[in-house]
Amino acid sequence: MKLNLKAPIVFFDLETTGLDLVTDRIVELCYIRIEPNGNEEARSMRLNPEMHIAESASKVHGIYDDDVRDCPTFREVAPALAETFRGADLAGFNSNKFDIPMLAEEFMRAGSDIDLAQCRRIDVQNIYHKLERRTLVAAYKFYCNKDLENAHSALADTRATYEVLMAQLDKYPQELKNDIDFLAEYSSMSHDVDLAGRFVYDEHGNEIVNFGKYKGRSVKEVLLRDPGYYGWVMQSNFTLNTKQALTRLKLKYTGR
């Protein structure tokens, strides 16, 4: 089966210095860009994060400080990467919750104008969890009947994710449609305002706070009743994308 594409789609996977969207950085990025005509471009690159890679992270992906010391920084490759991702839909494994927010942060720090929040996003893990509820290694074995060699190598994980989605479409023809809009909606666990999911939309399209003491409250209400809330978020350890999203809402509801 081939994906029914109206626009290019980029399957990608990241390896990072750790799991904090604000403070950690990318050390390896691999992608497969598939064009509507079926042409593919695959690339794998290692990046100098300009910080120490946590030992716990290195034990998972096998990349250590010395391995990336002479590699380019994300800022140096950002212009070319932005062209690869611009105008394309995105897909990955646990990508909605981690990889896309992490990549968006790196682009913003590099000063790139690409907005990943505007892309349709397919999270193959969410499809898997809704239908089978396991991990990528298990998913690859279950759907493709193969053992995933070099697990946690970004390129191997990226290729496996692509193959798993193809197999999911074959296995669940009644539940899944070979349509990017459908898959993006189906693989979403929530409708997020920001990529980190700090603010979400309710069933009526209203923006709702999804964390902390105001969880479940309308963002509009919080901004109007607690003028200090916006400043607190701006000064706290939230992602740049979250701060950008809240700024847009502040302008929308307060006009300043």
Protein backbone atom coordinates (compact mmCIF):
# COMPACT_ATOMS: atom_id res chain seq x y z
CA MET A 1 0.00 0.00 0.00
CA LYS A 2 1.10 3.56 -0.70
CA LEU A 3 0.12 6.57 1.37
CA ASN A 4 -2.53 8.70 -0.28
CA LEU A 5 -0.75 12.05 -0.21
CA LYS A 6 -1.91 15.48 -1.27
CA ALA A 7 1.26 17.09 0.13
CA PRO A 8 4.71 15.80 1.09
CA ILE A 9 5.00 14.06 4.45
CA VAL A 10 8.12 13.87 6.60
CA PHE A 11 8.61 10.93 8.94
CA PHE A 12 11.27 11.83 11.46
CA ASP A 13 12.87 10.82 14.74
CA LEU A 14 15.09 12.65 17.21
CA GLU A 15 17.72 11.59 19.71
CA THR A 16 18.37 14.20 22.38
CA THR A 17 20.47 15.13 25.39
CA GLY A 18 17.47 14.37 27.61
CA LEU A 19 13.69 14.61 27.79
CA ASP A 20 13.15 18.23 28.87
CA LEU A 21 11.59 20.23 26.03
CA VAL A 22 12.96 23.49 27.40
CA THR A 23 16.53 22.69 28.42
CA ASP A 24 17.56 19.68 26.31
CA ARG A 25 18.78 19.68 22.72
CA ILE A 26 18.85 17.44 19.64
CA VAL A 27 21.93 15.29 19.00
CA GLU A 28 20.63 13.28 16.04
CA LEU A 29 17.86 13.89 13.54
CA CYS A 30 16.77 11.50 10.83
CA TYR A 31 13.98 11.97 8.35
CA ILE A 32 12.33 10.37 5.36
CA ARG A 33 10.45 12.86 3.16
CA ILE A 34 7.90 11.22 0.87
CA GLU A 35 6.49 13.17 -2.06
CA PRO A 36 2.94 12.66 -3.42
CA ASN A 37 4.49 10.97 -6.47
CA GLY A 38 6.19 8.39 -4.22
CA ASN A 39 9.72 9.77 -4.40
CA GLU A 40 11.62 9.55 -1.13
CA GLU A 41 14.53 11.45 0.37
CA ALA A 42 16.16 10.05 3.51
CA ARG A 43 18.83 11.73 5.60
CA SER A 44 20.46 11.22 8.96
CA MET A 45 22.53 13.84 10.73
CA ARG A 46 24.23 14.22 14.08
CA LEU A 47 24.33 17.60 15.75
CA ASN A 48 26.50 19.26 18.37
CA PRO A 49 24.02 20.22 21.13
CA GLU A 50 26.54 22.61 22.71
CA MET A 51 25.85 20.99 26.07
CA HIS A 52 26.59 17.75 27.90
CA ILE A 53 24.59 14.69 26.87
CA ALA A 54 23.10 13.10 29.98
CA GLU A 55 24.54 9.67 30.72
CA SER A 56 21.02 8.26 30.96
CA ALA A 57 20.30 9.49 27.43
CA SER A 58 23.61 8.18 26.03
CA LYS A 59 22.86 4.73 27.43
CA VAL A 60 19.65 4.69 25.40
CA HIS A 61 20.82 6.02 22.02
CA GLY A 62 24.58 5.34 22.25
CA ILE A 63 25.65 8.89 21.37
CA TYR A 64 28.21 10.55 23.64
CA ASP A 65 29.75 14.01 23.81
CA ASP A 66 32.84 13.01 21.81
CA ASP A 67 30.67 11.58 19.03
CA VAL A 68 29.15 14.97 18.21
CA ARG A 69 31.94 17.34 19.22
CA ASP A 70 32.83 18.19 15.59
CA CYS A 71 29.28 18.04 14.20
CA PRO A 72 27.35 21.13 13.08
CA THR A 73 24.98 22.83 15.50
CA PHE A 74 21.25 22.93 14.90
CA ARG A 75 21.45 26.63 14.12
CA GLU A 76 23.87 25.88 11.28
CA VAL A 77 21.58 23.31 9.63
CA ALA A 78 18.29 25.03 10.47
CA PRO A 79 17.83 26.85 7.12
CA ALA A 80 18.17 23.66 5.07
CA LEU A 81 16.03 21.67 7.51
CA ALA A 82 13.32 24.30 7.43
CA GLU A 83 13.08 23.90 3.66
CA THR A 84 12.73 20.13 4.09
CA PHE A 85 9.92 20.45 6.63
CA ARG A 86 8.16 23.52 5.22
CA GLY A 87 4.87 22.69 3.50
CA ALA A 88 4.99 19.04 4.57
CA ASP A 89 2.84 17.03 6.93
CA LEU A 90 4.66 15.37 9.84
CA ALA A 91 4.70 11.83 11.20
CA GLY A 92 6.57 10.00 13.92
CA PHE A 93 6.32 7.70 16.92
CA ASN A 94 5.35 9.65 20.05
CA SER A 95 6.03 12.69 17.86
CA ASN A 96 3.04 14.81 18.92
CA LYS A 97 4.12 14.73 22.55
CA PHE A 98 7.91 14.94 22.18
CA ASP A 99 9.62 15.10 18.78
CA ILE A 100 7.52 17.87 17.21
CA PRO A 101 7.59 20.16 20.28
CA MET A 102 11.35 19.57 20.62
CA LEU A 103 12.00 20.32 16.95
CA ALA A 104 9.81 23.42 17.13
CA GLU A 105 11.86 24.71 20.06
CA GLU A 106 15.12 24.23 18.15
CA PHE A 107 13.73 26.05 15.11
CA MET A 108 12.55 28.94 17.27
CA ARG A 109 15.90 29.23 19.05
CA ALA A 110 17.59 29.28 15.63
CA GLY A 111 15.33 32.11 14.48
CA SER A 112 13.57 30.07 11.77
CA ASP A 113 10.12 31.25 10.79
CA ILE A 114 8.69 27.77 10.15
CA ASP A 115 5.58 27.01 12.24
CA LEU A 116 5.20 23.27 12.87
CA ALA A 117 1.90 23.86 14.65
CA GLN A 118 0.34 24.54 11.25
CA CYS A 119 1.30 21.09 9.91
CA ARG A 120 -0.98 18.09 9.99
CA ARG A 121 0.60 15.71 12.50
CA ILE A 122 0.32 11.92 12.51
CA ASP A 123 1.50 10.12 15.64
CA VAL A 124 1.88 6.43 14.80
CA GLN A 125 2.26 5.60 18.49
CA ASN A 126 -1.17 7.03 19.24
CA ILE A 127 -2.72 4.95 16.46
CA TYR A 128 -0.93 1.91 17.84
CA HIS A 129 -1.99 2.60 21.42
CA LYS A 130 -5.60 3.09 20.42
CA LEU A 131 -5.61 -0.21 18.55
CA GLU A 132 -2.99 -2.42 20.27
CA ARG A 133 -1.24 -0.45 23.08
CA ARG A 134 2.48 -1.38 22.91
CA THR A 135 5.96 0.04 22.06
CA LEU A 136 7.72 0.67 18.72
CA VAL A 137 9.78 -2.53 18.97
CA ALA A 138 6.63 -4.52 19.71
CA ALA A 139 4.68 -2.62 17.06
CA TYR A 140 7.30 -3.42 14.43
CA LYS A 141 7.20 -7.10 15.37
CA PHE A 142 3.41 -7.16 15.53
CA TYR A 143 2.64 -5.32 12.29
CA CYS A 144 5.69 -6.07 10.15
CA ASN A 145 6.73 -9.42 11.64
CA LYS A 146 10.31 -8.21 11.89
CA ASP A 147 12.74 -7.63 14.74
CA LEU A 148 13.76 -4.00 15.02
CA GLU A 149 17.55 -3.97 14.83
CA ASN A 150 19.43 -0.91 16.07
CA ALA A 151 16.45 0.28 18.11
CA HIS A 152 16.97 3.88 19.30
CA SER A 153 19.05 4.59 16.23
CA ALA A 154 17.08 7.52 14.84
CA LEU A 155 17.21 6.26 11.24
CA ALA A 156 16.11 2.73 12.19
CA ASP A 157 13.27 4.10 14.31
CA THR A 158 12.19 6.47 11.55
CA ARG A 159 12.12 3.73 8.90
CA ALA A 160 10.29 1.38 11.28
CA THR A 161 7.67 4.03 12.02
CA TYR A 162 7.04 4.52 8.30
CA GLU A 163 6.69 0.76 7.77
CA VAL A 164 4.40 0.38 10.79
CA LEU A 165 2.00 3.02 9.47
CA MET A 166 1.85 1.25 6.10
CA ALA A 167 1.11 -2.03 7.88
CA GLN A 168 -1.54 -0.40 10.08
CA LEU A 169 -3.38 0.81 6.98
CA ASP A 170 -3.31 -2.74 5.59
CA LYS A 171 -4.39 -4.36 8.86
CA TYR A 172 -7.25 -2.01 9.76
CA PRO A 173 -9.02 -1.10 6.50
CA GLN A 174 -12.33 -0.69 8.34
CA GLU A 175 -10.96 1.53 11.11
CA LEU A 176 -8.36 3.58 9.22
CA LYS A 177 -8.53 5.62 6.04
CA ASN A 178 -5.56 6.21 3.77
CA ASP A 179 -6.05 9.93 4.15
CA ILE A 180 -3.71 12.35 5.92
CA ASP A 181 -6.49 14.47 7.40
CA PHE A 182 -8.13 11.38 8.88
CA LEU A 183 -4.86 9.93 10.20
CA ALA A 184 -3.83 13.24 11.77
CA GLU A 185 -7.19 13.47 13.56
CA TYR A 186 -7.22 9.79 14.56
CA SER A 187 -3.69 9.84 15.95
CA SER A 188 -4.34 12.93 18.06
CA MET A 189 -5.06 12.21 21.73
CA SER A 190 -6.13 15.81 22.33
CA HIS A 191 -6.60 19.05 20.41
CA ASP A 192 -3.68 21.14 21.57
CA VAL A 193 -3.34 24.90 21.30
CA ASP A 194 0.43 24.69 21.81
CA LEU A 195 2.64 21.78 20.83
CA ALA A 196 3.43 20.83 24.44
CA GLY A 197 -0.28 20.60 25.26
CA ARG A 198 -0.27 23.13 28.09
CA PHE A 199 -3.38 24.67 26.55
CA VAL A 200 -6.01 22.61 24.72
CA TYR A 201 -9.29 23.13 22.90
CA ASP A 202 -12.51 21.79 24.39
CA GLU A 203 -15.33 20.30 22.34
CA HIS A 204 -16.63 23.80 21.58
CA GLY A 205 -13.29 25.13 20.35
CA ASN A 206 -12.58 27.17 23.49
CA GLU A 207 -8.97 27.35 24.74
CA ILE A 208 -8.58 25.64 28.12
CA VAL A 209 -5.67 25.60 30.60
CA ASN A 210 -4.38 22.01 30.84
CA PHE A 211 -2.05 22.23 33.87
CA GLY A 212 -1.60 23.76 37.29
CA LYS A 213 -4.12 25.48 39.55
CA TYR A 214 -6.21 26.75 36.63
CA LYS A 215 -6.46 23.37 34.90
CA GLY A 216 -9.86 23.05 33.25
CA ARG A 217 -10.48 26.80 33.27
CA SER A 218 -10.92 28.95 30.18
CA VAL A 219 -7.71 30.70 29.08
CA LYS A 220 -9.77 33.79 28.30
CA GLU A 221 -11.20 33.83 31.83
CA VAL A 222 -7.79 33.32 33.44
CA LEU A 223 -6.15 36.08 31.41
CA LEU A 224 -8.93 38.55 32.23
CA ARG A 225 -9.21 37.69 35.93
CA ASP A 226 -5.53 37.15 36.73
CA PRO A 227 -3.41 39.74 34.86
CA GLY A 228 -0.24 38.33 36.44
CA TYR A 229 -0.74 34.89 34.91
CA TYR A 230 0.68 35.85 31.54
CA GLY A 231 3.81 37.34 33.09
CA TRP A 232 4.31 34.27 35.26
CA VAL A 233 4.21 31.96 32.23
CA MET A 234 6.58 34.22 30.28
CA GLN A 235 9.14 34.14 33.11
CA SER A 236 8.79 30.43 33.90
CA ASN A 237 10.30 27.28 32.43
CA PHE A 238 7.83 26.74 29.57
CA THR A 239 8.65 26.11 25.92
CA LEU A 240 8.99 29.03 23.54
CA ASN A 241 6.08 27.65 21.54
CA THR A 242 3.85 27.61 24.64
CA LYS A 243 4.76 31.22 25.40
CA GLN A 244 4.12 32.20 21.79
CA ALA A 245 0.69 30.52 21.85
CA LEU A 246 -0.29 32.26 25.09
CA THR A 247 0.88 35.58 23.68
CA ARG A 248 -1.44 35.12 20.70
CA LEU A 249 -4.33 34.35 23.06
CA LYS A 250 -3.52 37.38 25.20
CA LEU A 251 -3.64 39.62 22.13
CA LYS A 252 -6.87 37.93 21.06
CA TYR A 253 -8.66 38.42 24.36
CA THR A 254 -7.12 41.54 25.84
CA GLY A 255 -5.92 43.38 22.75
CA ARG A 256 -2.50 44.02 24.26
